[in-house]
């Protein structure tokens, strides 16, 4: 039993009342709940959780755990009481994007972070599974991928690993959404298929034609490209049961296509332009994903690349990342959107370029503080009708400079700040007084960091201990620049 402080009451049991115990975890799953912890000085009491689905009950149990405090002379107790909480998420899609290709993350490490995501009421783990440097899962349909992209033996996810992760995540109220990057960032995917790649590992100045080494993009004029793409999408869809499938689409290097003699010759032989070839590719991707019964997600360049001006059907979800200023443009075209604006929610930046000898990086040098993360208004400057298209968001942790040694301090507690934006939204954050909102968030984020540490996830410190003990004495007036 747990005492309820100030009420001279003991909490004896927790009763769950769930309306639909068979509900699936999907975008529109109801995660609302009510939680009641009564006070009765004459007897022990029962906490009651009521929810539409088991996933709402799961969120309620996490809230109940966060009501429990500890003091040496009492032990564990629930503060004050009685408690009546009515709660629901502000956004349907509360995700985290984790790159497992640039540096391999073991299954047990991913599971540890799934646990932490669940504590923070996230409901999506977006796994970036392929990129230029590595193809990270052991495709059975395309068996040549099994050894392609391996850094060393064991650094690949088997079908059993994926099923294990998906099941583990579901038990914690987390959907796993896979991403297969195409047609750019594709060196590792197309390396072993003759004719599938152009601009493959251009050296020494790879940056002249691509965004990262090793360079390489799909030749979207070739039959092998479509054969591999179709089979790959079909297989990934069978491994991951989620309703969404992410097909990448960012940072396609147009200079690669324009300067590749092979690609230009292929265009001439087919009597088509690069725009027509790319439009055909996206039409086929749409067809392949539709055949699996899933809904496609792409990064924003598929829609906004002015060099291509492609037509992307409105059922495609657009994941915004280059800057929050593009949100209004995307929703204005009728697309649902997932917010991952790099100006607020890129958690990997702030450590310089990963390429040796590259000193300056204006776009990636500025660290996104927890205060910056917390201040992200996902519906800023949108009308009510436009705001409906904002499904939610995903902080992104790209893996060029992330591995098991520094994953947690890069991820936490900044991801927790984003979690409050996604779950509580305007009910907790006043964006017209973001300074005040950040000040109010500081003590609970700091406390939450310690609680997560007690559960085994050790995030970065956010203040000197003196500032924590002497709460408020380290503050500065609004608008004051130190």
Protein backbone atom coordinates (compact mmCIF):
# COMPACT_ATOMS: atom_id res chain seq x y z
CA UNK A 1 0.00 0.00 0.00
CA UNK A 2 1.08 3.60 -0.64
CA UNK A 3 0.10 6.42 1.73
CA UNK A 4 -1.66 9.52 0.39
CA UNK A 5 0.06 12.36 2.21
CA UNK A 6 -1.99 15.03 4.04
CA UNK A 7 -5.04 12.79 3.80
CA UNK A 8 -4.01 10.09 6.29
CA UNK A 9 -5.12 7.59 3.67
CA UNK A 10 -3.58 4.46 2.22
CA UNK A 11 -3.90 3.57 -1.46
CA UNK A 12 -4.64 -0.14 -1.47
CA UNK A 13 -5.33 -0.99 -5.10
CA UNK A 14 -5.78 0.37 -8.61
CA UNK A 15 -8.81 -0.60 -10.68
CA UNK A 16 -8.82 -0.28 -14.47
CA UNK A 17 -12.07 0.19 -16.36
CA UNK A 18 -11.37 -0.16 -20.10
CA UNK A 19 -14.20 0.07 -22.61
CA UNK A 20 -12.48 -1.61 -25.57
CA UNK A 21 -9.72 -3.98 -24.59
CA UNK A 22 -9.20 -5.09 -28.20
CA UNK A 23 -8.56 -1.66 -29.75
CA UNK A 24 -5.52 -1.51 -32.03
CA UNK A 25 -2.82 1.12 -31.69
CA UNK A 26 -3.21 3.40 -34.71
CA UNK A 27 -3.11 7.09 -35.55
CA UNK A 28 -6.67 7.67 -34.35
CA UNK A 29 -6.63 5.42 -31.29
CA UNK A 30 -8.22 7.08 -28.25
CA UNK A 31 -5.58 7.53 -25.53
CA UNK A 32 -7.66 9.65 -23.15
CA UNK A 33 -8.26 8.65 -19.55
CA UNK A 34 -9.52 9.76 -16.17
CA UNK A 35 -7.67 9.02 -12.94
CA UNK A 36 -9.18 9.30 -9.47
CA UNK A 37 -7.28 8.90 -6.20
CA UNK A 38 -9.75 9.53 -3.34
CA UNK A 39 -9.04 10.34 0.31
CA UNK A 40 -10.72 8.64 3.24
CA UNK A 41 -9.13 8.96 6.69
CA UNK A 42 -11.00 5.91 8.00
CA UNK A 43 -9.92 3.26 5.49
CA UNK A 44 -7.68 2.41 2.58
CA UNK A 45 -8.83 3.57 -0.84
CA UNK A 46 -8.87 2.43 -4.45
CA UNK A 47 -7.56 4.48 -7.35
CA UNK A 48 -9.74 4.21 -10.44
CA UNK A 49 -8.61 4.56 -14.03
CA UNK A 50 -11.20 4.81 -16.78
CA UNK A 51 -10.24 4.77 -20.44
CA UNK A 52 -11.60 3.94 -23.87
CA UNK A 53 -8.62 1.71 -24.70
CA UNK A 54 -5.80 -0.13 -23.01
CA UNK A 55 -3.44 2.52 -24.36
CA UNK A 56 -5.27 5.25 -22.48
CA UNK A 57 -4.98 3.11 -19.36
CA UNK A 58 -1.25 2.76 -20.01
CA UNK A 59 -0.86 6.56 -20.12
CA UNK A 60 -2.88 6.83 -16.91
CA UNK A 61 -0.67 4.33 -15.10
CA UNK A 62 2.36 6.39 -16.08
CA UNK A 63 0.69 9.51 -14.69
CA UNK A 64 -0.12 7.66 -11.46
CA UNK A 65 3.52 6.61 -11.13
CA UNK A 66 4.56 10.25 -11.44
CA UNK A 67 2.27 11.21 -8.55
CA UNK A 68 4.35 8.97 -6.29
CA UNK A 69 7.15 10.74 -4.40
CA UNK A 70 9.73 9.58 -1.88
CA UNK A 71 11.01 10.85 1.46
CA UNK A 72 13.38 9.04 3.78
CA UNK A 73 11.07 9.20 6.81
CA UNK A 74 7.94 8.13 4.92
CA UNK A 75 9.14 6.13 1.95
CA UNK A 76 6.93 6.28 -1.10
CA UNK A 77 3.78 8.37 -0.94
CA UNK A 78 1.29 10.23 -3.12
CA UNK A 79 1.28 13.97 -2.53
CA UNK A 80 -1.81 15.51 -0.99
CA UNK A 81 -5.01 14.26 -2.62
CA UNK A 82 -7.69 13.72 -3.53
CA UNK A 83 -6.75 13.64 -7.20
CA UNK A 84 -9.09 13.82 -10.18
CA UNK A 85 -7.32 14.01 -13.53
CA UNK A 86 -8.94 14.14 -16.97
CA UNK A 87 -6.28 13.88 -19.64
CA UNK A 88 -5.83 13.36 -23.35
CA UNK A 89 -3.10 14.06 -25.90
CA UNK A 90 -2.92 17.31 -27.85
CA UNK A 91 -1.56 15.50 -30.93
CA UNK A 92 -2.25 12.07 -32.42
CA UNK A 93 1.27 11.46 -33.71
CA UNK A 94 3.85 11.81 -30.95
CA UNK A 95 6.95 10.33 -32.46
CA UNK A 96 10.71 10.16 -32.18
CA UNK A 97 12.96 9.65 -35.22
CA UNK A 98 16.00 7.48 -34.48
CA UNK A 99 18.71 6.90 -37.08
CA UNK A 100 20.18 3.40 -36.73
CA UNK A 101 22.20 3.41 -39.96
CA UNK A 102 25.13 5.82 -39.48
CA UNK A 103 26.18 4.09 -36.27
CA UNK A 104 24.63 0.77 -35.35
CA UNK A 105 22.48 0.63 -32.20
CA UNK A 106 21.97 -2.82 -30.63
CA UNK A 107 18.44 -4.10 -30.15
CA UNK A 108 18.71 -3.89 -26.36
CA UNK A 109 19.69 -0.21 -26.59
CA UNK A 110 16.68 0.53 -28.79
CA UNK A 111 14.44 -1.32 -26.33
CA UNK A 112 15.79 0.80 -23.49
CA UNK A 113 14.82 3.95 -25.37
CA UNK A 114 11.40 2.50 -26.23
CA UNK A 115 10.81 2.14 -22.49
CA UNK A 116 11.80 5.77 -21.99
CA UNK A 117 9.61 6.94 -24.87
CA UNK A 118 6.65 5.19 -23.26
CA UNK A 119 7.29 6.89 -19.91
CA UNK A 120 7.10 10.19 -21.78
CA UNK A 121 3.84 9.24 -23.54
CA UNK A 122 5.32 9.08 -27.02
CA UNK A 123 3.41 6.69 -29.26
CA UNK A 124 5.65 6.34 -32.36
CA UNK A 125 9.24 5.26 -32.92
CA UNK A 126 10.31 6.19 -36.45
CA UNK A 127 13.29 4.00 -37.37
CA UNK A 128 15.52 5.35 -40.14
CA UNK A 129 16.70 1.97 -41.43
CA UNK A 130 18.70 2.68 -44.59
CA UNK A 131 21.01 5.41 -45.80
CA UNK A 132 24.13 5.98 -47.86
CA UNK A 133 26.43 4.34 -45.34
CA UNK A 134 24.48 1.24 -44.36
CA UNK A 135 21.52 -1.00 -45.08
CA UNK A 136 20.66 -2.03 -41.56
CA UNK A 137 18.26 -4.97 -41.84
CA UNK A 138 18.70 -8.47 -43.23
CA UNK A 139 16.37 -8.47 -46.21
CA UNK A 140 15.28 -11.98 -47.18
CA UNK A 141 13.64 -11.07 -50.47
CA UNK A 142 16.79 -9.27 -51.61
CA UNK A 143 19.29 -11.62 -50.03
CA UNK A 144 22.31 -9.74 -51.33
CA UNK A 145 21.46 -7.04 -48.77
CA UNK A 146 22.29 -9.38 -45.91
CA UNK A 147 26.00 -8.60 -46.19
CA UNK A 148 25.72 -5.20 -47.86
CA UNK A 149 26.44 -2.24 -45.66
CA UNK A 150 27.70 -4.23 -42.67
CA UNK A 151 30.30 -2.43 -40.58
CA UNK A 152 31.23 -5.73 -38.96
CA UNK A 153 29.49 -9.07 -38.30
CA UNK A 154 26.31 -8.73 -36.26
CA UNK A 155 25.64 -5.10 -37.07
CA UNK A 156 22.35 -5.78 -38.79
CA UNK A 157 18.75 -6.38 -37.69
CA UNK A 158 17.26 -9.76 -38.51
CA UNK A 159 13.58 -10.40 -39.13
CA UNK A 160 13.39 -11.84 -35.62
CA UNK A 161 14.97 -8.68 -34.21
CA UNK A 162 12.38 -6.52 -35.94
CA UNK A 163 9.46 -8.65 -34.78
CA UNK A 164 10.87 -8.57 -31.26
CA UNK A 165 11.18 -4.77 -31.34
CA UNK A 166 7.71 -4.26 -32.79
CA UNK A 167 6.10 -6.49 -30.16
CA UNK A 168 8.12 -4.95 -27.33
CA UNK A 169 7.09 -1.47 -28.46
CA UNK A 170 3.41 -2.35 -28.82
CA UNK A 171 3.29 -3.58 -25.22
CA UNK A 172 4.43 -0.08 -24.24
CA UNK A 173 2.02 1.80 -26.48
CA UNK A 174 4.57 2.57 -29.19
CA UNK A 175 4.06 2.06 -32.92
CA UNK A 176 7.19 1.39 -34.99
CA UNK A 177 7.25 3.16 -38.36
CA UNK A 178 10.02 2.06 -40.76
CA UNK A 179 11.79 4.38 -43.17
CA UNK A 180 13.56 3.20 -46.32
CA UNK A 181 15.47 6.09 -47.87
CA UNK A 182 15.06 6.63 -51.64
CA UNK A 183 15.96 7.75 -54.27
CA UNK A 184 18.82 9.68 -52.60
CA UNK A 185 21.06 8.59 -49.72
CA UNK A 186 21.02 5.23 -51.50
CA UNK A 187 24.59 4.00 -51.96
CA UNK A 188 24.27 1.05 -49.57
CA UNK A 189 20.89 0.04 -50.99
CA UNK A 190 21.83 -0.04 -54.65
CA UNK A 191 25.51 -0.93 -54.49
CA UNK A 192 25.18 -4.58 -55.48
CA UNK A 193 22.67 -4.06 -58.28
CA UNK A 194 24.38 -3.11 -61.55
CA UNK A 195 22.69 -0.16 -63.19
CA UNK A 196 20.72 0.91 -60.13
CA UNK A 197 23.04 3.69 -58.94
CA UNK A 198 24.45 6.83 -60.48
CA UNK A 199 27.22 8.98 -58.97
CA UNK A 200 28.31 6.07 -56.80
CA UNK A 201 30.94 7.10 -54.23
CA UNK A 202 32.25 10.05 -56.22
CA UNK A 203 35.68 11.03 -54.95
CA UNK A 204 37.51 13.11 -53.91
CA UNK A 205 34.98 15.96 -53.81
CA UNK A 206 31.75 14.07 -53.08
CA UNK A 207 30.11 17.27 -51.80
CA UNK A 208 30.06 18.67 -55.33
CA UNK A 209 27.27 16.29 -56.30
CA UNK A 210 25.72 14.90 -53.12
CA UNK A 211 24.95 15.70 -49.49
CA UNK A 212 26.95 12.97 -47.75
CA UNK A 213 29.58 10.37 -48.54
CA UNK A 214 29.35 7.84 -50.04
CA UNK A 215 27.37 9.49 -52.81
CA UNK A 216 24.86 7.50 -54.84
CA UNK A 217 21.27 7.86 -56.02
CA UNK A 218 18.79 5.58 -57.74
CA UNK A 219 18.83 5.70 -61.51
CA UNK A 220 15.09 6.21 -61.86
CA UNK A 221 15.19 5.32 -65.56
CA UNK A 222 16.16 1.68 -65.01
CA UNK A 223 13.95 -1.40 -64.60
CA UNK A 224 16.21 -2.84 -61.87
CA UNK A 225 15.48 0.22 -59.73
CA UNK A 226 11.76 -0.45 -59.85
CA UNK A 227 12.15 -4.17 -59.29
CA UNK A 228 14.24 -3.63 -56.17
CA UNK A 229 12.04 -0.79 -54.89
CA UNK A 230 8.82 -2.77 -55.26
CA UNK A 231 10.18 -5.88 -53.58
CA UNK A 232 11.77 -3.87 -50.80
CA UNK A 233 8.58 -1.96 -50.00
CA UNK A 234 6.60 -5.20 -50.05
CA UNK A 235 9.00 -6.87 -47.66
CA UNK A 236 9.29 -3.97 -45.23
CA UNK A 237 5.50 -3.71 -45.15
CA UNK A 238 5.28 -7.38 -44.17
CA UNK A 239 7.83 -6.96 -41.37
CA UNK A 240 6.26 -3.85 -39.86
CA UNK A 241 2.48 -4.02 -39.23
CA UNK A 242 1.99 -0.27 -38.80
CA UNK A 243 -0.38 1.64 -41.07
CA UNK A 244 2.42 4.02 -42.17
CA UNK A 245 5.49 3.40 -44.31
CA UNK A 246 8.12 6.10 -44.78
CA UNK A 247 9.90 6.17 -48.14
CA UNK A 248 12.40 8.97 -47.51
CA UNK A 249 12.78 11.44 -50.36
CA UNK A 250 15.05 14.08 -48.85
CA UNK A 251 18.22 15.61 -50.27
CA UNK A 252 18.09 14.30 -53.81
CA UNK A 253 21.15 15.82 -55.49
CA UNK A 254 20.05 17.32 -58.79
CA UNK A 255 23.66 18.02 -59.72
CA UNK A 256 24.30 14.29 -59.65
CA UNK A 257 21.58 13.69 -62.22
CA UNK A 258 22.62 16.62 -64.40
CA UNK A 259 26.32 15.69 -64.44
CA UNK A 260 26.02 11.92 -64.74
CA UNK A 261 26.74 10.98 -68.35
CA UNK A 262 25.12 7.59 -67.83
CA UNK A 263 21.92 9.09 -66.45
CA UNK A 264 21.71 11.75 -69.16
CA UNK A 265 22.20 9.08 -71.82
CA UNK A 266 19.41 6.99 -70.28
CA UNK A 267 17.08 9.99 -70.33
CA UNK A 268 17.84 10.60 -74.00
CA UNK A 269 17.25 6.97 -74.93
CA UNK A 270 13.84 7.06 -73.26
CA UNK A 271 13.11 10.55 -74.57
CA UNK A 272 12.11 11.88 -71.14
CA UNK A 273 13.24 14.66 -68.82
CA UNK A 274 14.58 14.24 -65.30
CA UNK A 275 11.33 15.72 -63.99
CA UNK A 276 9.28 13.15 -65.89
CA UNK A 277 11.53 10.35 -64.67
CA UNK A 278 11.23 11.47 -61.05
CA UNK A 279 7.47 11.90 -61.30
CA UNK A 280 7.23 8.37 -62.66
CA UNK A 281 9.32 7.11 -59.75
CA UNK A 282 7.05 8.70 -57.15
CA UNK A 283 3.97 7.45 -58.97
CA UNK A 284 5.34 3.91 -58.75
CA UNK A 285 6.31 4.33 -55.09
CA UNK A 286 2.73 5.40 -54.43
CA UNK A 287 1.48 2.34 -56.29
CA UNK A 288 3.80 -0.03 -54.42
CA UNK A 289 2.89 1.35 -50.99
CA UNK A 290 -0.83 1.34 -51.81
CA UNK A 291 -0.57 -2.34 -52.73
CA UNK A 292 0.52 -3.07 -49.15
CA UNK A 293 -2.49 -1.23 -47.71
CA UNK A 294 -0.33 1.38 -46.02
CA UNK A 295 -0.14 5.17 -46.15
CA UNK A 296 3.12 6.74 -47.39
CA UNK A 297 5.20 9.36 -45.61
CA UNK A 298 7.91 11.35 -47.39
CA UNK A 299 10.29 14.11 -46.40
CA UNK A 300 9.23 17.55 -47.57
CA UNK A 301 11.58 17.87 -50.57
CA UNK A 302 9.45 15.40 -52.51
CA UNK A 303 6.77 18.09 -52.49
CA UNK A 304 8.77 21.33 -52.28
CA UNK A 305 11.83 20.74 -54.49
CA UNK A 306 11.46 23.61 -56.97
CA UNK A 307 13.85 21.95 -59.42
CA UNK A 308 11.36 19.12 -59.81
CA UNK A 309 7.94 20.58 -59.00
CA UNK A 310 6.47 17.10 -58.57
CA UNK A 311 2.82 16.27 -58.05
CA UNK A 312 2.51 14.40 -54.76
CA UNK A 313 -0.99 13.03 -54.00
CA UNK A 314 -2.66 14.44 -50.91
CA UNK A 315 -2.78 11.09 -49.12
CA UNK A 316 1.01 11.34 -48.73
CA UNK A 317 1.95 12.59 -45.27
CA UNK A 318 4.73 15.17 -45.50
CA UNK A 319 7.43 15.24 -42.84
CA UNK A 320 8.76 18.77 -42.54
CA UNK A 321 12.37 19.28 -41.51
CA UNK A 322 14.21 22.08 -43.31
CA UNK A 323 12.54 24.83 -41.32
CA UNK A 324 9.21 25.54 -39.68
CA UNK A 325 8.51 28.29 -42.21
CA UNK A 326 7.51 25.57 -44.71
CA UNK A 327 4.63 24.29 -42.58
CA UNK A 328 2.05 26.71 -43.95
CA UNK A 329 3.06 25.92 -47.54
CA UNK A 330 2.65 22.18 -46.97
CA UNK A 331 -0.70 22.27 -45.21
CA UNK A 332 -1.86 24.89 -47.69
CA UNK A 333 -1.57 22.23 -50.37
CA UNK A 334 -3.86 19.94 -48.39
CA UNK A 335 -1.28 17.55 -46.96
CA UNK A 336 -1.19 16.19 -43.44
CA UNK A 337 2.13 17.00 -41.83
CA UNK A 338 4.52 15.65 -39.22
CA UNK A 339 6.66 18.42 -37.70
CA UNK A 340 10.40 17.82 -37.32
CA UNK A 341 11.66 21.34 -37.96
CA UNK A 342 15.44 21.33 -37.75
CA UNK A 343 15.33 24.84 -36.30
CA UNK A 344 13.68 23.42 -33.17
CA UNK A 345 13.74 19.62 -33.05
CA UNK A 346 17.02 18.34 -34.51
CA UNK A 347 18.72 16.91 -31.43
CA UNK A 348 21.93 15.77 -33.14
CA UNK A 349 23.20 19.21 -34.17
CA UNK A 350 25.59 21.43 -32.25
CA UNK A 351 28.76 19.37 -32.54
CA UNK A 352 30.16 20.52 -35.87
CA UNK A 353 30.56 18.56 -39.07
CA UNK A 354 31.28 14.86 -38.94
CA UNK A 355 33.59 15.19 -41.96
CA UNK A 356 37.22 15.59 -40.79
CA UNK A 357 38.73 18.96 -41.60
CA UNK A 358 35.42 20.74 -42.15
CA UNK A 359 35.62 23.57 -39.65
CA UNK A 360 32.44 25.62 -40.03
CA UNK A 361 28.85 24.47 -40.37
CA UNK A 362 26.34 27.33 -40.07
CA UNK A 363 23.32 25.01 -40.32
CA UNK A 364 24.49 22.36 -37.87
CA UNK A 365 26.64 24.16 -35.30
CA UNK A 366 23.86 25.59 -33.14
CA UNK A 367 22.79 23.26 -30.35
CA UNK A 368 19.03 23.02 -29.78
CA UNK A 369 18.59 23.59 -26.06
CA UNK A 370 15.70 22.09 -24.14
CA UNK A 371 14.24 25.59 -23.94
CA UNK A 372 14.30 25.83 -27.74
CA UNK A 373 12.75 22.39 -28.06
CA UNK A 374 10.01 23.32 -25.60
CA UNK A 375 9.18 26.55 -27.41
CA UNK A 376 8.18 24.85 -30.67
CA UNK A 377 4.58 25.73 -31.54
CA UNK A 378 3.59 23.10 -34.09
CA UNK A 379 0.62 25.16 -35.29
CA UNK A 380 2.26 28.59 -35.32
CA UNK A 381 0.74 30.99 -37.87
CA UNK A 382 -1.84 28.45 -39.03
CA UNK A 383 -5.58 28.95 -39.24
CA UNK A 384 -7.81 26.51 -37.40
CA UNK A 385 -8.56 24.72 -40.68
CA UNK A 386 -4.85 24.47 -41.51
CA UNK A 387 -3.96 23.30 -38.01
CA UNK A 388 -6.11 20.19 -38.44
CA UNK A 389 -3.47 18.89 -40.86
CA UNK A 390 -0.77 18.90 -38.16
CA UNK A 391 -0.85 15.29 -37.01
CA UNK A 392 1.94 15.91 -34.52
CA UNK A 393 5.69 15.82 -34.61
CA UNK A 394 8.95 13.97 -34.15
CA UNK A 395 12.20 15.20 -32.65
CA UNK A 396 14.95 13.76 -34.84
CA UNK A 397 18.24 12.23 -33.76
CA UNK A 398 20.45 11.58 -36.76
CA UNK A 399 23.28 9.17 -36.13
CA UNK A 400 26.43 10.58 -37.71
CA UNK A 401 27.83 11.45 -34.27
CA UNK A 402 25.58 9.29 -32.10
CA UNK A 403 26.17 5.78 -30.79
CA UNK A 404 25.63 3.87 -27.56
CA UNK A 405 28.22 6.00 -25.74
CA UNK A 406 26.34 9.28 -26.06
CA UNK A 407 22.81 8.40 -27.17
CA UNK A 408 21.07 9.09 -23.87
CA UNK A 409 22.63 12.46 -23.11
CA UNK A 410 21.81 13.63 -26.63
CA UNK A 411 18.25 12.34 -26.45
CA UNK A 412 17.23 13.13 -22.88
CA UNK A 413 15.84 15.21 -21.31
CA UNK A 414 15.33 17.28 -24.47
CA UNK A 415 13.05 14.61 -25.92
CA UNK A 416 10.99 14.92 -22.74
CA UNK A 417 10.54 18.64 -23.44
CA UNK A 418 9.20 17.73 -26.88
CA UNK A 419 6.98 15.08 -25.30
CA UNK A 420 5.21 17.72 -23.22
CA UNK A 421 4.65 19.83 -26.34
CA UNK A 422 3.10 16.82 -28.06
CA UNK A 423 0.98 15.56 -25.17
CA UNK A 424 -0.08 18.77 -23.43
CA UNK A 425 0.22 21.38 -26.16
CA UNK A 426 -1.57 24.65 -25.48
CA UNK A 427 -2.95 23.39 -22.15
CA UNK A 428 0.58 23.61 -20.66
CA UNK A 429 2.38 26.10 -22.88
CA UNK A 430 1.47 29.74 -23.44
CA UNK A 431 3.32 30.67 -26.61
CA UNK A 432 2.55 34.37 -26.11
CA UNK A 433 4.58 34.09 -22.89
CA UNK A 434 7.09 31.41 -23.78
CA UNK A 435 9.57 32.84 -21.27
CA UNK A 436 7.11 32.21 -18.46
CA UNK A 437 6.20 28.77 -19.82
CA UNK A 438 9.85 27.74 -19.93
CA UNK A 439 10.40 28.95 -16.34
CA UNK A 440 7.44 26.91 -15.15
CA UNK A 441 8.64 23.84 -17.04
CA UNK A 442 12.16 23.92 -15.61
CA UNK A 443 11.53 22.39 -12.16
CA UNK A 444 9.41 19.54 -13.45
CA UNK A 445 11.78 18.75 -16.34
CA UNK A 446 14.69 18.73 -13.92
CA UNK A 447 12.80 16.49 -11.51
CA UNK A 448 11.78 14.22 -14.38
CA UNK A 449 15.40 13.88 -15.48
CA UNK A 450 16.26 12.54 -12.03
CA UNK A 451 13.29 10.18 -12.07
CA UNK A 452 14.32 8.82 -15.44
CA UNK A 453 17.82 8.35 -14.07
CA UNK A 454 16.35 6.28 -11.27
CA UNK A 455 14.79 4.09 -13.94
CA UNK A 456 18.14 3.66 -15.64
CA UNK A 457 18.05 6.31 -18.39
CA UNK A 458 20.60 9.03 -17.68
CA UNK A 459 20.03 12.26 -19.57
CA UNK A 460 22.14 15.40 -19.66
CA UNK A 461 22.14 17.85 -16.75
CA UNK A 462 20.20 21.04 -17.49
CA UNK A 463 21.41 23.32 -14.66
CA UNK A 464 23.90 23.58 -11.78
CA UNK A 465 22.63 21.89 -8.63
CA UNK A 466 22.68 25.25 -6.83
CA UNK A 467 20.13 26.63 -9.30
CA UNK A 468 17.95 23.62 -8.63
CA UNK A 469 18.17 23.96 -4.85
CA UNK A 470 17.67 27.74 -4.94
CA UNK A 471 14.84 27.68 -7.44
CA UNK A 472 14.36 31.03 -9.16
CA UNK A 473 17.66 32.62 -8.15
CA UNK A 474 19.30 31.80 -11.48
CA UNK A 475 16.49 33.33 -13.55
CA UNK A 476 16.85 36.46 -15.64
CA UNK A 477 14.08 38.91 -16.54
CA UNK A 478 12.21 38.29 -19.78
CA UNK A 479 14.07 39.72 -22.75
CA UNK A 480 17.39 40.04 -20.92
CA UNK A 481 20.34 38.65 -22.87
CA UNK A 482 23.22 37.46 -20.71
